[in-house]
């Protein structure tokens, strides 16, 4: 009869972990995860928004060029963005330059309910009274693309000079030594194209998922105002990433 041989491995109790040590280690891992995971999620989301912004910018420019060709005026935006038409009429015409889109003259149209929402500015901004605000473009006609992107069109007059109050970097009104408001003259684009790369889905903030393009007679430019994401979009297109500062709408502040 053969004898069975058992292998015996002695356990070194000096190198074993106690339950307390395991719990402490798990606790440390949990704390580290809690501190780093939100940042990783935000970074991943921002990268996704950057990709969507680049795609949206390209699609819009292609649509404008298509509209110029359709009107027989290559290099001229005044036919597609006709200053003698309403924003609704221009948006409807512009919607024909895209494929399989839905035109929403207002949010009451079937399938357009989610086009009525507000957008935060790129960073803290007030109406001039020290209370942070957001932007309301809910009244503008919208174009909804198959991928969920929403465009809003605001038609204005080309080369129209507007008289505006001077404001500091936070939106507070500037005054002279006697307390009188200071003004400046500014020539706005003939039209604005607002676009939100993922529609009503958050974060709904200029410079992150929402941006503004200015339509001039012979070109379309990124609107230069940083509060509507101009600096951020330029940075994204150059491969340098999103620029924004988060804040809460309705907060009072003094600077």
Protein backbone atom coordinates (compact mmCIF):
# COMPACT_ATOMS: atom_id res chain seq x y z
CA UNK A 1 0.00 0.00 0.00
CA UNK A 2 1.40 3.36 -1.10
CA UNK A 3 1.65 6.14 1.41
CA UNK A 4 0.19 9.56 0.60
CA UNK A 5 2.44 12.51 1.00
CA UNK A 6 1.01 15.88 2.00
CA UNK A 7 2.85 19.09 1.28
CA UNK A 8 2.98 21.34 4.28
CA UNK A 9 3.54 25.06 3.97
CA UNK A 10 4.02 26.74 7.29
CA UNK A 11 2.16 30.03 7.73
CA UNK A 12 4.30 32.93 8.85
CA UNK A 13 1.98 34.72 11.21
CA UNK A 14 4.42 37.63 11.48
CA UNK A 15 3.60 38.66 7.86
CA UNK A 16 -0.20 38.25 7.98
CA UNK A 17 -2.53 41.28 7.90
CA UNK A 18 -4.90 41.88 10.74
CA UNK A 19 -8.53 42.80 10.08
CA UNK A 20 -7.87 46.30 11.37
CA UNK A 21 -5.00 46.80 8.92
CA UNK A 22 -7.15 45.62 6.00
CA UNK A 23 -9.96 47.99 6.99
CA UNK A 24 -7.55 50.92 7.29
CA UNK A 25 -6.10 50.16 3.86
CA UNK A 26 -9.55 49.96 2.29
CA UNK A 27 -10.45 53.22 3.99
CA UNK A 28 -7.40 54.97 2.52
CA UNK A 29 -8.20 53.61 -0.94
CA UNK A 30 -11.76 54.87 -0.57
CA UNK A 31 -10.63 58.36 0.41
CA UNK A 32 -8.16 58.56 -2.49
CA UNK A 33 -10.85 57.36 -4.92
CA UNK A 34 -13.33 59.91 -3.57
CA UNK A 35 -10.80 62.72 -4.10
CA UNK A 36 -9.58 61.72 -7.57
CA UNK A 37 -12.62 60.11 -9.23
CA UNK A 38 -14.65 63.33 -9.67
CA UNK A 39 -11.67 65.04 -11.30
CA UNK A 40 -11.15 62.09 -13.64
CA UNK A 41 -14.84 62.07 -14.58
CA UNK A 42 -14.80 65.84 -15.24
CA UNK A 43 -11.65 65.52 -17.36
CA UNK A 44 -13.20 62.71 -19.41
CA UNK A 45 -16.40 64.70 -19.89
CA UNK A 46 -14.48 67.81 -20.95
CA UNK A 47 -12.55 65.78 -23.53
CA UNK A 48 -15.83 64.49 -24.92
CA UNK A 49 -17.23 68.04 -25.10
CA UNK A 50 -14.09 69.23 -26.89
CA UNK A 51 -14.60 66.58 -29.57
CA UNK A 52 -18.26 67.56 -29.98
CA UNK A 53 -17.34 71.26 -30.22
CA UNK A 54 -14.86 70.63 -33.03
CA UNK A 55 -17.40 68.53 -34.91
CA UNK A 56 -20.17 71.12 -34.44
CA UNK A 57 -17.96 73.98 -35.60
CA UNK A 58 -17.12 72.07 -38.78
CA UNK A 59 -20.76 71.11 -39.48
CA UNK A 60 -21.98 74.71 -39.09
CA UNK A 61 -19.31 76.13 -41.40
CA UNK A 62 -20.12 73.50 -44.03
CA UNK A 63 -23.82 74.38 -43.75
CA UNK A 64 -23.11 78.09 -44.23
CA UNK A 65 -21.03 77.36 -47.33
CA UNK A 66 -23.84 75.17 -48.63
CA UNK A 67 -26.29 78.02 -48.06
CA UNK A 68 -24.07 80.45 -49.94
CA UNK A 69 -23.96 78.09 -52.91
CA UNK A 70 -27.73 77.61 -52.79
CA UNK A 71 -28.24 81.38 -52.96
CA UNK A 72 -25.60 81.76 -55.67
CA UNK A 73 -23.42 84.09 -53.62
CA UNK A 74 -20.30 82.20 -52.53
CA UNK A 75 -18.43 84.19 -49.87
CA UNK A 76 -21.45 86.38 -49.10
CA UNK A 77 -23.70 85.73 -46.08
CA UNK A 78 -26.22 88.50 -46.65
CA UNK A 79 -28.58 86.32 -48.71
CA UNK A 80 -28.69 83.38 -46.30
CA UNK A 81 -28.81 85.68 -43.27
CA UNK A 82 -31.14 88.28 -44.74
CA UNK A 83 -31.45 91.26 -42.40
CA UNK A 84 -34.88 92.02 -43.86
CA UNK A 85 -36.23 88.72 -42.55
CA UNK A 86 -37.13 87.65 -39.03
CA UNK A 87 -34.97 85.27 -36.99
CA UNK A 88 -37.61 82.59 -37.56
CA UNK A 89 -37.52 83.00 -41.34
CA UNK A 90 -33.72 82.97 -41.44
CA UNK A 91 -33.49 79.93 -39.14
CA UNK A 92 -35.97 78.03 -41.32
CA UNK A 93 -33.90 78.83 -44.42
CA UNK A 94 -30.69 77.87 -42.62
CA UNK A 95 -32.20 74.56 -41.46
CA UNK A 96 -32.38 73.46 -45.10
CA UNK A 97 -28.57 73.51 -45.23
CA UNK A 98 -28.41 70.51 -42.86
CA UNK A 99 -29.49 66.89 -43.27
CA UNK A 100 -32.49 65.42 -41.44
CA UNK A 101 -32.97 68.19 -38.88
CA UNK A 102 -36.03 69.38 -37.00
CA UNK A 103 -36.98 73.05 -37.13
CA UNK A 104 -38.49 74.46 -33.95
CA UNK A 105 -39.93 77.95 -34.28
CA UNK A 106 -40.81 77.65 -30.57
CA UNK A 107 -40.84 75.05 -27.78
CA UNK A 108 -44.57 74.39 -28.18
CA UNK A 109 -44.02 72.47 -31.42
CA UNK A 110 -44.17 68.69 -31.07
CA UNK A 111 -40.70 67.35 -30.29
CA UNK A 112 -39.33 70.80 -29.41
CA UNK A 113 -40.10 70.93 -25.68
CA UNK A 114 -36.47 70.41 -24.64
CA UNK A 115 -35.23 73.37 -26.70
CA UNK A 116 -36.40 75.86 -24.07
CA UNK A 117 -33.67 76.24 -21.45
CA UNK A 118 -31.09 78.71 -20.15
CA UNK A 119 -27.30 78.71 -20.53
CA UNK A 120 -24.75 79.80 -17.94
CA UNK A 121 -22.04 82.23 -18.95
CA UNK A 122 -18.46 81.03 -19.25
CA UNK A 123 -17.61 82.61 -15.91
CA UNK A 124 -19.21 84.85 -13.31
CA UNK A 125 -21.28 87.58 -14.94
CA UNK A 126 -23.91 89.99 -13.63
CA UNK A 127 -26.55 92.22 -15.17
CA UNK A 128 -24.70 95.19 -13.70
CA UNK A 129 -26.07 94.96 -10.18
CA UNK A 130 -23.75 92.37 -8.62
CA UNK A 131 -26.06 89.34 -8.97
CA UNK A 132 -24.79 86.48 -11.14
CA UNK A 133 -27.02 85.66 -14.10
CA UNK A 134 -27.30 83.26 -17.03
CA UNK A 135 -28.33 83.74 -20.65
CA UNK A 136 -31.87 83.26 -21.93
CA UNK A 137 -32.13 82.33 -25.61
CA UNK A 138 -35.33 80.33 -25.16
CA UNK A 139 -37.30 82.74 -27.37
CA UNK A 140 -35.13 82.16 -30.43
CA UNK A 141 -36.02 79.63 -33.17
CA UNK A 142 -34.02 76.42 -32.97
CA UNK A 143 -32.62 73.80 -35.32
CA UNK A 144 -32.21 70.32 -33.80
CA UNK A 145 -29.67 68.02 -35.46
CA UNK A 146 -29.83 64.19 -35.42
CA UNK A 147 -26.93 63.96 -32.93
CA UNK A 148 -28.81 66.16 -30.44
CA UNK A 149 -27.01 69.43 -31.17
CA UNK A 150 -29.25 72.50 -30.98
CA UNK A 151 -28.68 75.71 -32.92
CA UNK A 152 -30.44 79.01 -32.28
CA UNK A 153 -30.40 81.85 -34.80
CA UNK A 154 -30.75 85.54 -33.97
CA UNK A 155 -30.97 87.80 -37.01
CA UNK A 156 -29.89 91.43 -36.64
CA UNK A 157 -28.78 94.25 -38.95
CA UNK A 158 -25.36 94.20 -40.61
CA UNK A 159 -23.01 97.04 -39.61
CA UNK A 160 -25.45 98.34 -37.01
CA UNK A 161 -23.79 100.37 -34.25
CA UNK A 162 -25.06 99.69 -30.72
CA UNK A 163 -24.61 102.01 -27.75
CA UNK A 164 -23.75 99.94 -24.69
CA UNK A 165 -22.87 100.57 -21.05
CA UNK A 166 -19.27 99.79 -20.11
CA UNK A 167 -18.94 96.90 -17.67
CA UNK A 168 -16.02 95.40 -15.77
CA UNK A 169 -14.94 91.77 -16.07
CA UNK A 170 -17.78 90.68 -13.78
CA UNK A 171 -20.53 92.71 -15.43
CA UNK A 172 -20.75 95.57 -12.94
CA UNK A 173 -21.53 98.93 -14.56
CA UNK A 174 -18.69 101.43 -14.89
CA UNK A 175 -19.22 105.07 -13.94
CA UNK A 176 -17.22 108.28 -14.03
CA UNK A 177 -16.17 110.30 -10.99
CA UNK A 178 -19.66 111.81 -10.75
CA UNK A 179 -21.42 108.46 -10.86
CA UNK A 180 -22.60 108.75 -14.46
CA UNK A 181 -22.68 105.59 -16.55
CA UNK A 182 -19.93 105.21 -19.16
CA UNK A 183 -20.85 104.02 -22.67
CA UNK A 184 -19.11 102.73 -25.77
CA UNK A 185 -20.16 102.10 -29.37
CA UNK A 186 -19.91 98.61 -30.81
CA UNK A 187 -20.68 97.10 -34.22
CA UNK A 188 -22.41 93.75 -33.73
CA UNK A 189 -22.42 90.95 -36.32
CA UNK A 190 -25.40 90.82 -38.65
CA UNK A 191 -26.54 87.59 -37.00
CA UNK A 192 -25.65 85.27 -34.16
CA UNK A 193 -25.55 81.48 -34.27
CA UNK A 194 -25.79 79.94 -30.83
CA UNK A 195 -25.04 76.23 -30.67
CA UNK A 196 -25.19 73.70 -27.87
CA UNK A 197 -23.22 70.60 -28.84
CA UNK A 198 -25.31 68.17 -26.75
CA UNK A 199 -28.63 69.99 -26.60
CA UNK A 200 -30.55 70.31 -23.34
CA UNK A 201 -28.22 67.83 -21.66
CA UNK A 202 -25.89 69.56 -19.18
CA UNK A 203 -23.68 71.31 -18.33
CA UNK A 204 -25.35 74.02 -20.49
CA UNK A 205 -22.54 76.52 -20.04
CA UNK A 206 -20.86 78.74 -22.62
CA UNK A 207 -17.35 77.55 -23.32
CA UNK A 208 -18.15 73.95 -22.37
CA UNK A 209 -21.03 72.67 -24.47
CA UNK A 210 -22.43 76.00 -25.74
CA UNK A 211 -20.79 78.59 -28.00
CA UNK A 212 -21.61 81.59 -30.21
CA UNK A 213 -20.59 82.43 -33.76
CA UNK A 214 -20.95 85.89 -35.26
CA UNK A 215 -22.14 86.18 -38.86
CA UNK A 216 -20.61 89.03 -40.85
CA UNK A 217 -21.25 89.91 -44.47
CA UNK A 218 -18.27 87.95 -45.78
CA UNK A 219 -17.30 85.62 -42.96
CA UNK A 220 -18.30 83.73 -39.84
CA UNK A 221 -16.16 84.25 -36.78
CA UNK A 222 -16.06 82.91 -33.25
CA UNK A 223 -17.70 85.61 -31.17
CA UNK A 224 -14.86 87.22 -29.27
CA UNK A 225 -16.60 87.75 -25.94
CA UNK A 226 -15.11 85.35 -23.40
CA UNK A 227 -18.36 85.15 -21.41
CA UNK A 228 -20.06 83.38 -24.31
CA UNK A 229 -17.18 80.96 -24.72
CA UNK A 230 -15.15 82.70 -27.41
CA UNK A 231 -11.77 82.13 -25.77
CA UNK A 232 -12.69 78.56 -24.92
CA UNK A 233 -13.70 77.65 -28.47
CA UNK A 234 -10.51 79.16 -29.86
CA UNK A 235 -8.52 77.14 -27.34
CA UNK A 236 -10.39 73.94 -28.21
CA UNK A 237 -9.79 74.35 -31.95
CA UNK A 238 -6.09 74.92 -31.26
CA UNK A 239 -5.96 71.71 -29.22
CA UNK A 240 -5.43 73.44 -25.88
CA UNK A 241 -8.63 72.34 -24.17
CA UNK A 242 -11.72 73.88 -22.60
CA UNK A 243 -11.61 77.12 -20.60
CA UNK A 244 -14.35 77.84 -18.07
CA UNK A 245 -15.08 78.75 -14.46
CA UNK A 246 -18.05 77.24 -12.67
CA UNK A 247 -20.38 79.39 -10.57
CA UNK A 248 -23.92 79.42 -9.18
CA UNK A 249 -26.57 81.55 -10.86
CA UNK A 250 -28.30 84.02 -8.56
CA UNK A 251 -25.44 84.56 -6.14
CA UNK A 252 -24.71 88.09 -5.00
CA UNK A 253 -21.11 89.25 -5.24
CA UNK A 254 -19.05 92.39 -4.82
CA UNK A 255 -15.70 93.19 -6.44
